[in-house]
Amino acid sequence: MKLSNIEIVIANSTHCHFAETISRQIEESAKQRKTGIAKRSVNYLQDKLRTQHAVIAIDQLLNTVAGFCYIESWQDKRYVSNSGLFVFPPYRNLGLSKVIKKQGIRTCENLLPRG
């Protein structure tokens, strides 16, 4: 796998068809690592995708998800964070998580600016 084949973008409604795959991967990763990562429903993820509160990495050659993170906010958007950051196993060790995280931070700054 090459990082050059992967496009990292702010998600939108055209990415909703990836929500089920993302949901399954979050659950599987939590089981494998025996962590408390919360399961996210397909509907919840589709909402994050649709509202552009997510960053998605797409393998352009295979048209598959390579990685993902979403944005959470609370207290009337006074606080924001990147959550659910993960990279699918075939795309690990390429530095992809760093690129997704940087885009997630930029997305937070653009979508939910400080007052």
Protein backbone atom coordinates (compact mmCIF):
# COMPACT_ATOMS: atom_id res chain seq x y z
CA MET A 1 0.00 0.00 0.00
CA LYS A 2 1.13 3.54 -0.73
CA LEU A 3 0.13 6.71 1.04
CA SER A 4 0.16 8.45 -2.36
CA ASN A 5 -2.92 6.44 -3.41
CA ILE A 6 -4.93 7.66 -0.44
CA GLU A 7 -7.06 10.78 -0.43
CA ILE A 8 -7.83 12.31 2.97
CA VAL A 9 -10.88 14.56 2.91
CA ILE A 10 -13.58 16.06 5.08
CA ALA A 11 -16.37 13.53 4.78
CA ASN A 12 -19.78 14.33 3.31
CA SER A 13 -23.00 12.56 2.37
CA THR A 14 -21.34 10.82 -0.59
CA HIS A 15 -19.35 8.77 1.94
CA CYS A 16 -22.37 7.43 3.87
CA HIS A 17 -22.13 4.07 2.11
CA PHE A 18 -18.86 3.48 4.04
CA ALA A 19 -20.56 3.82 7.47
CA GLU A 20 -21.30 0.12 7.92
CA THR A 21 -17.72 -0.86 7.11
CA ILE A 22 -16.41 1.78 9.52
CA SER A 23 -18.79 0.64 12.28
CA ARG A 24 -17.67 -2.99 11.90
CA GLN A 25 -14.00 -2.01 11.96
CA ILE A 26 -14.39 0.08 15.12
CA GLU A 27 -16.04 -2.88 16.84
CA GLU A 28 -13.48 -5.38 15.56
CA SER A 29 -10.55 -3.20 16.60
CA ALA A 30 -11.97 -2.88 20.11
CA LYS A 31 -12.33 -6.66 20.38
CA GLN A 32 -8.82 -7.35 19.09
CA ARG A 33 -7.19 -4.81 21.36
CA LYS A 34 -9.50 -5.54 24.29
CA THR A 35 -10.13 -1.83 24.74
CA GLY A 36 -13.16 0.14 25.79
CA ILE A 37 -13.63 1.79 22.41
CA ALA A 38 -17.33 2.48 22.13
CA LYS A 39 -19.26 0.88 19.34
CA ARG A 40 -20.72 3.43 16.95
CA SER A 41 -23.93 2.72 15.08
CA VAL A 42 -24.20 3.07 11.34
CA ASN A 43 -26.75 5.88 11.81
CA TYR A 44 -24.46 7.76 14.18
CA LEU A 45 -21.55 7.51 11.73
CA GLN A 46 -23.72 8.51 8.77
CA ASP A 47 -24.74 11.62 10.70
CA LYS A 48 -21.08 12.50 11.27
CA LEU A 49 -20.34 11.94 7.58
CA ARG A 50 -23.39 13.87 6.38
CA THR A 51 -22.71 16.90 8.61
CA GLN A 52 -19.03 17.00 7.64
CA HIS A 53 -17.91 16.25 11.18
CA ALA A 54 -15.57 13.49 10.08
CA VAL A 55 -12.38 12.93 8.15
CA ILE A 56 -12.13 9.92 5.88
CA ALA A 57 -9.16 8.41 4.06
CA ILE A 58 -10.08 6.67 0.82
CA ASP A 59 -7.85 4.35 -1.17
CA GLN A 60 -8.43 5.76 -4.65
CA LEU A 61 -7.29 2.60 -6.42
CA LEU A 62 -9.59 0.23 -4.52
CA ASN A 63 -12.36 2.69 -3.53
CA THR A 64 -12.19 1.49 0.07
CA VAL A 65 -11.84 3.18 3.44
CA ALA A 66 -8.28 3.32 4.70
CA GLY A 67 -8.90 5.37 7.84
CA PHE A 68 -11.36 7.57 9.67
CA CYS A 69 -11.97 9.94 12.57
CA TYR A 70 -14.94 12.02 13.63
CA ILE A 71 -15.42 15.24 15.56
CA GLU A 72 -17.29 15.54 18.84
CA SER A 73 -18.37 18.76 20.48
CA TRP A 74 -20.04 19.53 23.78
CA GLN A 75 -21.18 22.46 25.90
CA ASP A 76 -22.59 24.36 22.93
CA LYS A 77 -19.46 23.70 20.85
CA ARG A 78 -17.17 25.30 23.44
CA TYR A 79 -15.13 22.10 23.44
CA VAL A 80 -14.24 19.88 20.50
CA SER A 81 -12.18 16.76 20.00
CA ASN A 82 -11.21 14.23 17.39
CA SER A 83 -12.58 10.82 18.27
CA GLY A 84 -12.64 7.35 16.83
CA LEU A 85 -9.39 7.73 14.93
CA PHE A 86 -8.32 4.47 13.37
CA VAL A 87 -6.58 3.07 10.33
CA PHE A 88 -7.66 -0.18 8.69
CA PRO A 89 -5.03 -2.94 9.12
CA PRO A 90 -3.72 -3.04 5.52
CA TYR A 91 -2.93 0.71 5.72
CA ARG A 92 -1.10 0.76 9.04
CA ASN A 93 2.54 1.79 9.40
CA LEU A 94 2.33 4.30 6.55
CA GLY A 95 1.96 7.41 8.72
CA LEU A 96 -1.70 7.68 7.76
CA SER A 97 -2.97 8.26 11.29
CA LYS A 98 -0.82 11.39 11.62
CA VAL A 99 -2.23 12.82 8.39
CA ILE A 100 -5.82 12.00 9.41
CA LYS A 101 -5.25 13.58 12.85
CA LYS A 102 -3.86 16.78 11.31
CA GLN A 103 -6.84 17.04 8.98
CA GLY A 104 -9.14 16.37 11.95
CA ILE A 105 -7.57 19.26 13.86
CA ARG A 106 -7.93 21.58 10.87
CA THR A 107 -11.53 20.46 10.49
CA CYS A 108 -12.22 21.27 14.15
CA GLU A 109 -10.70 24.70 13.70
CA ASN A 110 -12.71 25.42 10.55
CA LEU A 111 -16.07 23.96 11.55
CA LEU A 112 -16.10 24.88 15.20
CA PRO A 113 -13.98 28.02 15.59
CA ARG A 114 -13.11 29.40 18.97
CA GLY A 115 -15.25 32.28 20.17
